[in-house]
Amino acid sequence: MKFDVWLLDQKELGKMPQVASSVEEMGFDGLWTIEAGVDAFMPLVLSAEHSQRISMGTCIAVAFARNPTAMAAIGWDLARYSNGRFIMGLGAQVKPHIERRYGIPWVKPIRKLRETIEVMHVIWDSWRTGERPRYEGEFFNISLMTPQFSALPMDLPNPPIHVSAVNRQMLRLAGKVCNGVILHPFHSKKYLENFALPTLEESLKENGRSRQDITVNCSVFAVPTDGEKSADQYEQEARQQIGYYMSTPAYRVVSDQHGWVGTAEQLSKHARAQEWDQMRNLITDEMLDAFAVTGKWGELPGIIKERFGTMVDRTNYYLPYHPGEEAEGWAASIAGFNIG
């Protein structure tokens, strides 16, 4: 199981060289950026420049905010510049954000994301072979690529494409056309065992693939009990974020696995009223135990390994990483993941 860092706060680009160097020196396997208040790709240019070993990816970049040819170029350039360490992590986002934050129609998102991925591969094939790209779909029709607009050659594999998935159709899409799946931080062992992984494996089998053909990424809410901050502060932050995610109707399938839909609906009411501070109070101890891991920094890797076993290939804590902060704790966790 690889242990990564999920950069929840990378809005200051000037800090990325230090962050990337620190992540590599500490011994993490990779880092991931999110598209929250900043472009998800730009920090990775600096990360590639200031590291040699770690993998780096977007977790996630919003696919529908860009066209597939532009994303193919970004992925190709980052793969070349990082010497093959870049992972293209894409997500559809949810309908309100696509329509009201990006101003883009929400139409057949699964089909559109599948075509986006297929077009990217068509573009990459065109750059490798020099042949004209040919793709006819419902959303994209691609048939032009002149030498002037072709990318520089690359003697490296295409960037692996991972997609974020919560519900059945997106999990099936991952099993059909993707190299990896990024499971939402709002998950539980029960959800993984009873819903997410069986759905993924069903799709893999239908498409002549196996579990070894796909990487499963999974962020985990963590509550360290021996850190620089108090355990209660970590716990309250986890309860708040779990409450926010649990309020999202698109993620209701996770709550349904536990019979907590009633609580999820109450949280949705608070979200609509923008009563954010009240949401953490609805997250019970049982819910916290289902969605988060609690223990000393050095104990957390063992707890995660026992909980997930071989279900997950890469993991990271849903905690912000800042060089120098909680250094002893992060080091203890890295050591725990490197054992065995």
C-alpha atoms as a PDB file:
ATOM      1  CA  MET A   1       0.000   0.000   0.000  1.00  0.00           C
ATOM      2  CA  LYS A   2       1.495   3.339  -1.083  1.00  0.00           C
ATOM      3  CA  PHE A   3       1.215   6.308   1.246  1.00  0.00           C
ATOM      4  CA  ASP A   4       0.675   9.723  -0.350  1.00  0.00           C
ATOM      5  CA  VAL A   5      -0.069  13.304   0.609  1.00  0.00           C
ATOM      6  CA  TRP A   6      -3.307  14.973  -0.446  1.00  0.00           C
ATOM      7  CA  LEU A   7      -2.609  18.688  -0.689  1.00  0.00           C
ATOM      8  CA  LEU A   8      -5.783  20.215   0.680  1.00  0.00           C
ATOM      9  CA  ASP A   9      -4.212  23.678   0.624  1.00  0.00           C
ATOM     10  CA  GLN A  10      -1.917  24.536  -2.291  1.00  0.00           C
ATOM     11  CA  LYS A  11      -3.270  27.973  -3.167  1.00  0.00           C
ATOM     12  CA  GLU A  12       0.123  29.655  -2.751  1.00  0.00           C
ATOM     13  CA  LEU A  13       2.132  28.468  -5.744  1.00  0.00           C
ATOM     14  CA  GLY A  14       5.306  29.959  -4.356  1.00  0.00           C
ATOM     15  CA  LYS A  15       5.306  27.324  -1.607  1.00  0.00           C
ATOM     16  CA  MET A  16       5.062  24.345  -3.975  1.00  0.00           C
ATOM     17  CA  PRO A  17       8.839  23.870  -4.471  1.00  0.00           C
ATOM     18  CA  GLN A  18       9.292  23.537  -0.712  1.00  0.00           C
ATOM     19  CA  VAL A  19       6.241  21.278  -0.407  1.00  0.00           C
ATOM     20  CA  ALA A  20       7.358  18.946  -3.210  1.00  0.00           C
ATOM     21  CA  SER A  21      10.894  18.714  -1.877  1.00  0.00           C
ATOM     22  CA  SER A  22       9.619  18.028   1.629  1.00  0.00           C
ATOM     23  CA  VAL A  23       7.159  15.357   0.476  1.00  0.00           C
ATOM     24  CA  GLU A  24       9.984  13.548  -1.313  1.00  0.00           C
ATOM     25  CA  GLU A  25      12.506  13.921   1.497  1.00  0.00           C
ATOM     26  CA  MET A  26      10.006  12.699   4.099  1.00  0.00           C
ATOM     27  CA  GLY A  27       9.547   9.461   2.155  1.00  0.00           C
ATOM     28  CA  PHE A  28       5.983   9.745   0.857  1.00  0.00           C
ATOM     29  CA  ASP A  29       5.181   7.891  -2.361  1.00  0.00           C
ATOM     30  CA  GLY A  30       3.312  10.711  -4.077  1.00  0.00           C
ATOM     31  CA  LEU A  31       1.288  13.881  -3.819  1.00  0.00           C
ATOM     32  CA  TRP A  32      -2.128  14.900  -5.135  1.00  0.00           C
ATOM     33  CA  THR A  33      -3.591  18.323  -5.811  1.00  0.00           C
ATOM     34  CA  ILE A  34      -7.253  19.264  -5.692  1.00  0.00           C
ATOM     35  CA  GLU A  35      -9.142  21.793  -7.773  1.00  0.00           C
ATOM     36  CA  ALA A  36     -10.377  24.019  -4.972  1.00  0.00           C
ATOM     37  CA  GLY A  37      -9.584  27.690  -5.415  1.00  0.00           C
ATOM     38  CA  VAL A  38      -6.630  26.944  -7.686  1.00  0.00           C
ATOM     39  CA  ASP A  39      -5.942  25.187 -10.971  1.00  0.00           C
ATOM     40  CA  ALA A  40      -5.111  21.565 -10.159  1.00  0.00           C
ATOM     41  CA  PHE A  41      -2.394  21.200 -12.806  1.00  0.00           C
ATOM     42  CA  MET A  42      -0.231  24.280 -12.291  1.00  0.00           C
ATOM     43  CA  PRO A  43       1.223  23.265  -8.892  1.00  0.00           C
ATOM     44  CA  LEU A  44       2.407  19.993 -10.436  1.00  0.00           C
ATOM     45  CA  VAL A  45       4.756  21.815 -12.830  1.00  0.00           C
ATOM     46  CA  LEU A  46       6.629  23.090  -9.783  1.00  0.00           C
ATOM     47  CA  SER A  47       6.336  19.709  -8.078  1.00  0.00           C
ATOM     48  CA  ALA A  48       7.929  17.976 -11.056  1.00  0.00           C
ATOM     49  CA  GLU A  49      10.734  20.529 -11.146  1.00  0.00           C
ATOM     50  CA  HIS A  50      11.572  20.117  -7.471  1.00  0.00           C
ATOM     51  CA  SER A  51      11.392  16.336  -7.079  1.00  0.00           C
ATOM     52  CA  GLN A  52      12.846  13.240  -8.710  1.00  0.00           C
ATOM     53  CA  ARG A  53      11.021  10.205  -7.324  1.00  0.00           C
ATOM     54  CA  ILE A  54       7.476  10.847  -6.143  1.00  0.00           C
ATOM     55  CA  SER A  55       4.432  10.413  -8.345  1.00  0.00           C
ATOM     56  CA  MET A  56       2.061  13.353  -8.664  1.00  0.00           C
ATOM     57  CA  GLY A  57      -1.521  13.639  -9.763  1.00  0.00           C
ATOM     58  CA  THR A  58      -4.728  15.631  -9.739  1.00  0.00           C
ATOM     59  CA  CYS A  59      -7.335  14.474  -7.260  1.00  0.00           C
ATOM     60  CA  ILE A  60      -9.277  15.720  -9.012  1.00  0.00           C
ATOM     61  CA  ALA A  61      -9.280  18.070 -11.974  1.00  0.00           C
ATOM     62  CA  VAL A  62     -12.787  18.914 -13.164  1.00  0.00           C
ATOM     63  CA  ALA A  63     -13.048  17.254 -16.562  1.00  0.00           C
ATOM     64  CA  PHE A  64     -15.997  19.225 -17.905  1.00  0.00           C
ATOM     65  CA  ALA A  65     -14.303  22.571 -17.238  1.00  0.00           C
ATOM     66  CA  ARG A  66     -11.892  21.791 -20.107  1.00  0.00           C
ATOM     67  CA  ASN A  67     -12.028  20.135 -23.502  1.00  0.00           C
ATOM     68  CA  PRO A  68     -10.301  16.759 -23.975  1.00  0.00           C
ATOM     69  CA  THR A  69      -7.730  17.995 -26.512  1.00  0.00           C
ATOM     70  CA  ALA A  70      -6.520  20.663 -24.078  1.00  0.00           C
ATOM     71  CA  MET A  71      -6.345  18.103 -21.269  1.00  0.00           C
ATOM     72  CA  ALA A  72      -4.444  15.696 -23.512  1.00  0.00           C
ATOM     73  CA  ALA A  73      -1.828  18.413 -24.022  1.00  0.00           C
ATOM     74  CA  ILE A  74      -1.594  19.150 -20.304  1.00  0.00           C
ATOM     75  CA  GLY A  75      -1.234  15.458 -19.467  1.00  0.00           C
ATOM     76  CA  TRP A  76       1.363  14.880 -22.166  1.00  0.00           C
ATOM     77  CA  ASP A  77       3.468  17.864 -21.099  1.00  0.00           C
ATOM     78  CA  LEU A  78       3.354  16.954 -17.417  1.00  0.00           C
ATOM     79  CA  ALA A  79       4.253  13.344 -18.198  1.00  0.00           C
ATOM     80  CA  ARG A  80       7.267  14.489 -20.247  1.00  0.00           C
ATOM     81  CA  TYR A  81       8.392  17.053 -17.698  1.00  0.00           C
ATOM     82  CA  SER A  82       8.064  14.682 -14.729  1.00  0.00           C
ATOM     83  CA  ASN A  83       9.650  11.764 -16.602  1.00  0.00           C
ATOM     84  CA  GLY A  84       6.486   9.679 -16.435  1.00  0.00           C
ATOM     85  CA  ARG A  85       5.449  10.444 -12.845  1.00  0.00           C
ATOM     86  CA  PHE A  86       2.199  12.265 -13.610  1.00  0.00           C
ATOM     87  CA  ILE A  87      -1.271  10.743 -13.022  1.00  0.00           C
ATOM     88  CA  MET A  88      -4.304  12.360 -14.650  1.00  0.00           C
ATOM     89  CA  GLY A  89      -7.059  12.267 -12.027  1.00  0.00           C
ATOM     90  CA  LEU A  90     -10.417  13.438 -13.387  1.00  0.00           C
ATOM     91  CA  GLY A  91     -13.849  13.940 -11.931  1.00  0.00           C
ATOM     92  CA  ALA A  92     -17.258  15.003 -13.153  1.00  0.00           C
ATOM     93  CA  GLN A  93     -17.982  17.103 -10.034  1.00  0.00           C
ATOM     94  CA  VAL A  94     -21.664  17.394  -9.093  1.00  0.00           C
ATOM     95  CA  LYS A  95     -24.474  19.028 -11.035  1.00  0.00           C
ATOM     96  CA  PRO A  96     -24.852  22.259  -8.992  1.00  0.00           C
ATOM     97  CA  HIS A  97     -21.165  23.085  -9.339  1.00  0.00           C
ATOM     98  CA  ILE A  98     -21.042  22.342 -13.072  1.00  0.00           C
ATOM     99  CA  GLU A  99     -24.153  24.363 -13.813  1.00  0.00           C
ATOM    100  CA  ARG A 100     -23.850  27.210 -11.299  1.00  0.00           C
ATOM    101  CA  ARG A 101     -20.089  27.547 -10.716  1.00  0.00           C
ATOM    102  CA  TYR A 102     -18.827  26.742 -14.221  1.00  0.00           C
ATOM    103  CA  GLY A 103     -21.925  27.709 -16.199  1.00  0.00           C
ATOM    104  CA  ILE A 104     -21.838  24.476 -18.207  1.00  0.00           C
ATOM    105  CA  PRO A 105     -24.889  22.299 -18.999  1.00  0.00           C
ATOM    106  CA  TRP A 106     -25.072  19.025 -17.063  1.00  0.00           C
ATOM    107  CA  VAL A 107     -25.854  16.506 -19.792  1.00  0.00           C
ATOM    108  CA  LYS A 108     -25.181  12.751 -19.675  1.00  0.00           C
ATOM    109  CA  PRO A 109     -22.093  13.093 -17.439  1.00  0.00           C
ATOM    110  CA  ILE A 110     -21.054   9.436 -17.611  1.00  0.00           C
ATOM    111  CA  ARG A 111     -21.208   9.346 -21.383  1.00  0.00           C
ATOM    112  CA  LYS A 112     -19.453  12.700 -21.680  1.00  0.00           C
ATOM    113  CA  LEU A 113     -16.638  11.676 -19.327  1.00  0.00           C
ATOM    114  CA  ARG A 114     -16.164   8.409 -21.193  1.00  0.00           C
ATOM    115  CA  GLU A 115     -15.864  10.293 -24.494  1.00  0.00           C
ATOM    116  CA  THR A 116     -13.445  12.742 -22.868  1.00  0.00           C
ATOM    117  CA  ILE A 117     -11.146   9.884 -21.874  1.00  0.00           C
ATOM    118  CA  GLU A 118     -11.445   8.187 -25.256  1.00  0.00           C
ATOM    119  CA  VAL A 119     -10.629  11.412 -27.111  1.00  0.00           C
ATOM    120  CA  MET A 120      -7.535  11.959 -24.962  1.00  0.00           C
ATOM    121  CA  HIS A 121      -6.230   8.549 -25.989  1.00  0.00           C
ATOM    122  CA  VAL A 122      -7.019   9.272 -29.638  1.00  0.00           C
ATOM    123  CA  ILE A 123      -5.039  12.516 -29.430  1.00  0.00           C
ATOM    124  CA  TRP A 124      -2.102  10.794 -27.743  1.00  0.00           C
ATOM    125  CA  ASP A 125      -2.115   8.060 -30.402  1.00  0.00           C
ATOM    126  CA  SER A 126      -2.085  10.729 -33.099  1.00  0.00           C
ATOM    127  CA  TRP A 127       0.965  12.387 -31.577  1.00  0.00           C
ATOM    128  CA  ARG A 128       2.785   9.061 -31.414  1.00  0.00           C
ATOM    129  CA  THR A 129       1.972   7.871 -34.924  1.00  0.00           C
ATOM    130  CA  GLY A 130       1.589  11.123 -36.835  1.00  0.00           C
ATOM    131  CA  GLU A 131      -1.735   9.895 -38.175  1.00  0.00           C
ATOM    132  CA  ARG A 132      -4.877  11.991 -38.249  1.00  0.00           C
ATOM    133  CA  PRO A 133      -7.073  11.536 -35.153  1.00  0.00           C
ATOM    134  CA  ARG A 134     -10.493  10.104 -35.861  1.00  0.00           C
ATOM    135  CA  TYR A 135     -13.236  10.152 -33.268  1.00  0.00           C
ATOM    136  CA  GLU A 136     -16.975  10.509 -33.715  1.00  0.00           C
ATOM    137  CA  GLY A 137     -19.071  10.668 -30.594  1.00  0.00           C
ATOM    138  CA  GLU A 138     -22.158  12.258 -29.179  1.00  0.00           C
ATOM    139  CA  PHE A 139     -20.226  15.146 -27.614  1.00  0.00           C
ATOM    140  CA  PHE A 140     -16.934  15.275 -29.519  1.00  0.00           C
ATOM    141  CA  ASN A 141     -15.970  14.871 -33.160  1.00  0.00           C
ATOM    142  CA  ILE A 142     -12.213  15.069 -33.692  1.00  0.00           C
ATOM    143  CA  SER A 143     -10.545  14.784 -37.100  1.00  0.00           C
ATOM    144  CA  LEU A 144      -7.789  17.411 -37.313  1.00  0.00           C
ATOM    145  CA  MET A 145      -4.198  17.519 -36.046  1.00  0.00           C
ATOM    146  CA  THR A 146      -1.530  19.352 -38.013  1.00  0.00           C
ATOM    147  CA  PRO A 147       2.228  19.155 -37.288  1.00  0.00           C
ATOM    148  CA  GLN A 148       2.168  22.687 -35.923  1.00  0.00           C
ATOM    149  CA  PHE A 149      -0.238  21.656 -33.150  1.00  0.00           C
ATOM    150  CA  SER A 150       1.245  18.225 -32.426  1.00  0.00           C
ATOM    151  CA  ALA A 151       3.153  17.729 -29.192  1.00  0.00           C
ATOM    152  CA  LEU A 152       6.852  17.016 -28.893  1.00  0.00           C
ATOM    153  CA  PRO A 153       7.635  13.278 -29.010  1.00  0.00           C
ATOM    154  CA  MET A 154       7.731  11.331 -25.762  1.00  0.00           C
ATOM    155  CA  ASP A 155       9.389   7.974 -25.161  1.00  0.00           C
ATOM    156  CA  LEU A 156       7.202   7.297 -22.134  1.00  0.00           C
ATOM    157  CA  PRO A 157       3.795   5.645 -21.594  1.00  0.00           C
ATOM    158  CA  ASN A 158       0.663   7.747 -21.774  1.00  0.00           C
ATOM    159  CA  PRO A 159      -0.307   9.252 -18.414  1.00  0.00           C
ATOM    160  CA  PRO A 160      -2.543   6.862 -16.478  1.00  0.00           C
ATOM    161  CA  ILE A 161      -6.081   8.184 -16.149  1.00  0.00           C
ATOM    162  CA  HIS A 162      -7.910   7.785 -12.851  1.00  0.00           C
ATOM    163  CA  VAL A 163     -11.497   8.890 -12.246  1.00  0.00           C
ATOM    164  CA  SER A 164     -13.259   9.758  -9.024  1.00  0.00           C
ATOM    165  CA  ALA A 165     -16.224   7.512  -8.338  1.00  0.00           C
ATOM    166  CA  VAL A 166     -18.928   7.116  -5.723  1.00  0.00           C
ATOM    167  CA  ASN A 167     -21.977   5.698  -7.495  1.00  0.00           C
ATOM    168  CA  ARG A 168     -22.503   2.665  -9.686  1.00  0.00           C
ATOM    169  CA  GLN A 169     -22.191   4.182 -13.149  1.00  0.00           C
ATOM    170  CA  MET A 170     -18.922   5.974 -12.438  1.00  0.00           C
ATOM    171  CA  LEU A 171     -17.437   2.871 -10.811  1.00  0.00           C
ATOM    172  CA  ARG A 172     -18.393   0.901 -13.910  1.00  0.00           C
ATOM    173  CA  LEU A 173     -16.786   3.543 -16.126  1.00  0.00           C
ATOM    174  CA  ALA A 174     -13.563   3.223 -14.148  1.00  0.00           C
ATOM    175  CA  GLY A 175     -13.579  -0.534 -14.647  1.00  0.00           C
ATOM    176  CA  LYS A 176     -14.162  -0.129 -18.372  1.00  0.00           C
ATOM    177  CA  VAL A 177     -11.712   2.549 -19.544  1.00  0.00           C
ATOM    178  CA  CYS A 178      -9.507   3.770 -16.672  1.00  0.00           C
ATOM    179  CA  ASN A 179      -6.174   2.909 -15.086  1.00  0.00           C
ATOM    180  CA  GLY A 180      -7.350   3.847 -11.626  1.00  0.00           C
ATOM    181  CA  VAL A 181     -10.292   4.842  -9.474  1.00  0.00           C
ATOM    182  CA  ILE A 182     -10.256   7.576  -6.839  1.00  0.00           C
ATOM    183  CA  LEU A 183     -12.741   6.713  -4.118  1.00  0.00           C
ATOM    184  CA  HIS A 184     -14.255   9.629  -2.249  1.00  0.00           C
ATOM    185  CA  PRO A 185     -12.934  10.380   1.261  1.00  0.00           C
ATOM    186  CA  PHE A 186     -16.518   9.946   2.443  1.00  0.00           C
ATOM    187  CA  HIS A 187     -16.556   6.158   2.495  1.00  0.00           C
ATOM    188  CA  SER A 188     -16.549   3.256   4.932  1.00  0.00           C
ATOM    189  CA  LYS A 189     -15.305  -0.309   4.927  1.00  0.00           C
ATOM    190  CA  LYS A 190     -18.910  -1.474   4.581  1.00  0.00           C
ATOM    191  CA  TYR A 191     -19.423   0.715   1.509  1.00  0.00           C
ATOM    192  CA  LEU A 192     -16.213  -0.610  -0.058  1.00  0.00           C
ATOM    193  CA  GLU A 193     -16.976  -4.272   0.643  1.00  0.00           C
ATOM    194  CA  ASN A 194     -20.675  -4.267  -0.214  1.00  0.00           C
ATOM    195  CA  PHE A 195     -20.902  -1.742  -3.020  1.00  0.00           C
ATOM    196  CA  ALA A 196     -17.873   0.015  -4.483  1.00  0.00           C
ATOM    197  CA  LEU A 197     -15.419  -2.826  -5.033  1.00  0.00           C
ATOM    198  CA  PRO A 198     -17.982  -5.439  -6.163  1.00  0.00           C
ATOM    199  CA  THR A 199     -19.301  -2.940  -8.725  1.00  0.00           C
ATOM    200  CA  LEU A 200     -15.782  -2.141  -9.915  1.00  0.00           C
ATOM    201  CA  GLU A 201     -14.761  -5.788 -10.170  1.00  0.00           C
ATOM    202  CA  GLU A 202     -17.960  -6.636 -12.050  1.00  0.00           C
ATOM    203  CA  SER A 203     -17.119  -4.015 -14.659  1.00  0.00           C
ATOM    204  CA  LEU A 204     -13.501  -5.145 -14.894  1.00  0.00           C
ATOM    205  CA  LYS A 205     -14.602  -8.725 -15.546  1.00  0.00           C
ATOM    206  CA  GLU A 206     -17.143  -7.687 -18.182  1.00  0.00           C
ATOM    207  CA  ASN A 207     -14.400  -5.811 -20.032  1.00  0.00           C
ATOM    208  CA  GLY A 208     -11.814  -8.604 -19.924  1.00  0.00           C
ATOM    209  CA  ARG A 209      -9.787  -6.988 -17.178  1.00  0.00           C
ATOM    210  CA  SER A 210      -8.759  -7.965 -13.655  1.00  0.00           C
ATOM    211  CA  ARG A 211      -8.265  -6.223 -10.327  1.00  0.00           C
ATOM    212  CA  GLN A 212      -4.539  -6.011 -11.114  1.00  0.00           C
ATOM    213  CA  ASP A 213      -5.349  -3.758 -14.076  1.00  0.00           C
ATOM    214  CA  ILE A 214      -6.562  -0.871 -11.932  1.00  0.00           C
ATOM    215  CA  THR A 215      -5.254   1.154  -8.998  1.00  0.00           C
ATOM    216  CA  VAL A 216      -7.640   1.901  -6.146  1.00  0.00           C
ATOM    217  CA  ASN A 217      -6.962   5.206  -4.373  1.00  0.00           C
ATOM    218  CA  CYS A 218      -8.652   5.993  -1.090  1.00  0.00           C
ATOM    219  CA  SER A 219      -8.266   9.034   1.198  1.00  0.00           C
ATOM    220  CA  VAL A 220      -8.995   8.469   4.881  1.00  0.00           C
ATOM    221  CA  PHE A 221     -10.221  10.828   7.576  1.00  0.00           C
ATOM    222  CA  ALA A 222      -7.666  10.593  10.385  1.00  0.00           C
ATOM    223  CA  VAL A 223      -7.775  11.736  14.007  1.00  0.00           C
ATOM    224  CA  PRO A 224      -4.254  11.638  15.481  1.00  0.00           C
ATOM    225  CA  THR A 225      -4.308  11.537  19.262  1.00  0.00           C
ATOM    226  CA  ASP A 226      -0.668  12.449  19.995  1.00  0.00           C
ATOM    227  CA  GLY A 227      -0.095  15.381  17.661  1.00  0.00           C
ATOM    228  CA  GLU A 228       0.788  19.032  18.066  1.00  0.00           C
ATOM    229  CA  LYS A 229      -2.918  19.834  17.860  1.00  0.00           C
ATOM    230  CA  SER A 230      -5.321  18.270  20.319  1.00  0.00           C
ATOM    231  CA  ALA A 231      -7.184  15.120  19.359  1.00  0.00           C
ATOM    232  CA  ASP A 232     -10.433  16.993  19.980  1.00  0.00           C
ATOM    233  CA  GLN A 233      -9.522  19.608  17.375  1.00  0.00           C
ATOM    234  CA  TYR A 234      -8.754  16.927  14.805  1.00  0.00           C
ATOM    235  CA  GLU A 235     -11.987  15.151  15.722  1.00  0.00           C
ATOM    236  CA  GLN A 236     -14.141  18.242  15.354  1.00  0.00           C
ATOM    237  CA  GLU A 237     -12.596  19.016  11.961  1.00  0.00           C
ATOM    238  CA  ALA A 238     -13.321  15.456  10.828  1.00  0.00           C
ATOM    239  CA  ARG A 239     -16.915  15.594  12.073  1.00  0.00           C
ATOM    240  CA  GLN A 240     -17.453  18.886  10.233  1.00  0.00           C
ATOM    241  CA  GLN A 241     -16.130  17.584   6.927  1.00  0.00           C
ATOM    242  CA  ILE A 242     -17.951  14.265   7.212  1.00  0.00           C
ATOM    243  CA  GLY A 243     -21.163  16.184   7.893  1.00  0.00           C
ATOM    244  CA  TYR A 244     -20.610  18.336   4.817  1.00  0.00           C
ATOM    245  CA  TYR A 245     -20.044  15.345   2.549  1.00  0.00           C
ATOM    246  CA  MET A 246     -22.877  13.378   4.126  1.00  0.00           C
ATOM    247  CA  SER A 247     -25.232  16.251   3.287  1.00  0.00           C
ATOM    248  CA  THR A 248     -24.514  15.888  -0.448  1.00  0.00           C
ATOM    249  CA  PRO A 249     -27.329  13.966  -2.197  1.00  0.00           C
ATOM    250  CA  ALA A 250     -24.924  12.569  -4.810  1.00  0.00           C
ATOM    251  CA  TYR A 251     -23.101  10.671  -2.031  1.00  0.00           C
ATOM    252  CA  ARG A 252     -26.246   9.218  -0.447  1.00  0.00           C
ATOM    253  CA  VAL A 253     -25.296   5.670  -1.434  1.00  0.00           C
ATOM    254  CA  VAL A 254     -22.627   5.675   1.287  1.00  0.00           C
ATOM    255  CA  SER A 255     -25.074   6.643   4.042  1.00  0.00           C
ATOM    256  CA  ASP A 256     -27.556   4.109   2.720  1.00  0.00           C
ATOM    257  CA  GLN A 257     -25.138   1.262   3.430  1.00  0.00           C
ATOM    258  CA  HIS A 258     -25.474   2.070   7.145  1.00  0.00           C
ATOM    259  CA  GLY A 259     -29.122   3.091   7.311  1.00  0.00           C
ATOM    260  CA  TRP A 260     -28.187   6.726   7.954  1.00  0.00           C
ATOM    261  CA  VAL A 261     -30.166   8.349   5.158  1.00  0.00           C
ATOM    262  CA  GLY A 262     -32.369  10.171   7.678  1.00  0.00           C
ATOM    263  CA  THR A 263     -29.339  11.905   9.152  1.00  0.00           C
ATOM    264  CA  ALA A 264     -28.049  12.670   5.662  1.00  0.00           C
ATOM    265  CA  GLU A 265     -31.354  14.355   4.815  1.00  0.00           C
ATOM    266  CA  GLN A 266     -31.195  16.433   8.007  1.00  0.00           C
ATOM    267  CA  LEU A 267     -27.680  17.503   7.062  1.00  0.00           C
ATOM    268  CA  SER A 268     -28.908  18.484   3.595  1.00  0.00           C
ATOM    269  CA  LYS A 269     -31.438  20.830   5.215  1.00  0.00           C
ATOM    270  CA  HIS A 270     -28.681  22.465   7.236  1.00  0.00           C
ATOM    271  CA  ALA A 271     -26.572  22.804   4.073  1.00  0.00           C
ATOM    272  CA  ARG A 272     -29.405  24.470   2.141  1.00  0.00           C
ATOM    273  CA  ALA A 273     -29.832  26.916   5.027  1.00  0.00           C
ATOM    274  CA  GLN A 274     -26.027  27.378   5.162  1.00  0.00           C
ATOM    275  CA  GLU A 275     -26.050  26.318   8.806  1.00  0.00           C
ATOM    276  CA  TRP A 276     -22.573  24.825   8.524  1.00  0.00           C
ATOM    277  CA  ASP A 277     -21.627  24.999  12.189  1.00  0.00           C
ATOM    278  CA  GLN A 278     -24.548  22.796  13.216  1.00  0.00           C
ATOM    279  CA  MET A 279     -23.630  19.903  10.963  1.00  0.00           C
ATOM    280  CA  ARG A 280     -20.834  18.364  13.028  1.00  0.00           C
ATOM    281  CA  ASN A 281     -23.226  17.842  15.927  1.00  0.00           C
ATOM    282  CA  LEU A 282     -25.223  15.288  13.926  1.00  0.00           C
ATOM    283  CA  ILE A 283     -22.174  13.057  13.379  1.00  0.00           C
ATOM    284  CA  THR A 284     -22.345  10.415  16.110  1.00  0.00           C
ATOM    285  CA  ASP A 285     -19.400   8.479  17.529  1.00  0.00           C
ATOM    286  CA  GLU A 286     -20.556   5.451  15.529  1.00  0.00           C
ATOM    287  CA  MET A 287     -20.457   7.476  12.320  1.00  0.00           C
ATOM    288  CA  LEU A 288     -17.035   8.881  13.155  1.00  0.00           C
ATOM    289  CA  ASP A 289     -15.703   5.360  13.727  1.00  0.00           C
ATOM    290  CA  ALA A 290     -17.131   4.226  10.389  1.00  0.00           C
ATOM    291  CA  PHE A 291     -15.689   7.088   8.344  1.00  0.00           C
ATOM    292  CA  ALA A 292     -12.445   7.899  10.177  1.00  0.00           C
ATOM    293  CA  VAL A 293      -9.504   6.227  11.897  1.00  0.00           C
ATOM    294  CA  THR A 294      -8.373   7.344  15.345  1.00  0.00           C
ATOM    295  CA  GLY A 295      -5.083   6.640  17.102  1.00  0.00           C
ATOM    296  CA  LYS A 296      -1.522   7.771  17.571  1.00  0.00           C
ATOM    297  CA  TRP A 297       0.287   8.853  14.418  1.00  0.00           C
ATOM    298  CA  GLY A 298       2.402   5.714  14.455  1.00  0.00           C
ATOM    299  CA  GLU A 299      -0.645   3.497  15.011  1.00  0.00           C
ATOM    300  CA  LEU A 300      -2.745   4.855  12.145  1.00  0.00           C
ATOM    301  CA  PRO A 301      -1.001   2.841   9.369  1.00  0.00           C
ATOM    302  CA  GLY A 302      -1.692  -0.432  11.178  1.00  0.00           C
ATOM    303  CA  ILE A 303      -5.322   0.537  11.757  1.00  0.00           C
ATOM    304  CA  ILE A 304      -5.748   1.388   8.066  1.00  0.00           C
ATOM    305  CA  LYS A 305      -4.055  -1.813   6.895  1.00  0.00           C
ATOM    306  CA  GLU A 306      -6.268  -3.877   9.196  1.00  0.00           C
ATOM    307  CA  ARG A 307      -9.396  -2.075   8.024  1.00  0.00           C
ATOM    308  CA  PHE A 308      -8.746  -2.198   4.283  1.00  0.00           C
ATOM    309  CA  GLY A 309      -6.307  -5.078   3.792  1.00  0.00           C
ATOM    310  CA  THR A 310      -5.686  -5.492   0.058  1.00  0.00           C
ATOM    311  CA  MET A 311      -8.778  -3.536  -0.978  1.00  0.00           C
ATOM    312  CA  VAL A 312      -6.796  -0.307  -1.430  1.00  0.00           C
ATOM    313  CA  ASP A 313      -3.535   0.277  -3.333  1.00  0.00           C
ATOM    314  CA  ARG A 314      -2.816   3.901  -2.421  1.00  0.00           C
ATOM    315  CA  THR A 315      -3.998   5.918   0.542  1.00  0.00           C
ATOM    316  CA  ASN A 316      -3.502   9.291   2.191  1.00  0.00           C
ATOM    317  CA  TYR A 317      -4.853  11.110   5.204  1.00  0.00           C
ATOM    318  CA  TYR A 318      -7.560  13.730   4.772  1.00  0.00           C
ATOM    319  CA  LEU A 319      -5.284  16.176   6.568  1.00  0.00           C
ATOM    320  CA  PRO A 320      -3.456  19.250   5.252  1.00  0.00           C
ATOM    321  CA  TYR A 321       0.285  18.777   4.842  1.00  0.00           C
ATOM    322  CA  HIS A 322       2.595  21.704   5.560  1.00  0.00           C
ATOM    323  CA  PRO A 323       6.377  21.181   5.724  1.00  0.00           C
ATOM    324  CA  GLY A 324       7.552  21.202   9.307  1.00  0.00           C
ATOM    325  CA  GLU A 325       4.115  20.883  10.888  1.00  0.00           C
ATOM    326  CA  GLU A 326       3.466  17.590  12.709  1.00  0.00           C
ATOM    327  CA  ALA A 327       6.821  16.417  11.321  1.00  0.00           C
ATOM    328  CA  GLU A 328       7.266  13.700  13.961  1.00  0.00           C
ATOM    329  CA  GLY A 329       3.726  12.465  13.386  1.00  0.00           C
ATOM    330  CA  TRP A 330       4.046  12.278   9.616  1.00  0.00           C
ATOM    331  CA  ALA A 331       7.417  10.517   9.981  1.00  0.00           C
ATOM    332  CA  ALA A 332       5.871   7.955  12.324  1.00  0.00           C
ATOM    333  CA  SER A 333       3.084   7.256   9.841  1.00  0.00           C
ATOM    334  CA  ILE A 334       5.473   6.920   6.899  1.00  0.00           C
ATOM    335  CA  ALA A 335       7.524   4.432   8.891  1.00  0.00           C
ATOM    336  CA  GLY A 336       4.338   2.483   9.657  1.00  0.00           C
ATOM    337  CA  PHE A 337       3.381   2.221   6.000  1.00  0.00           C
ATOM    338  CA  ASN A 338       6.898   1.186   5.010  1.00  0.00           C
ATOM    339  CA  ILE A 339       6.871  -1.775   7.408  1.00  0.00           C
ATOM    340  CA  GLY A 340       5.737  -4.971   5.710  1.00  0.00           C
END
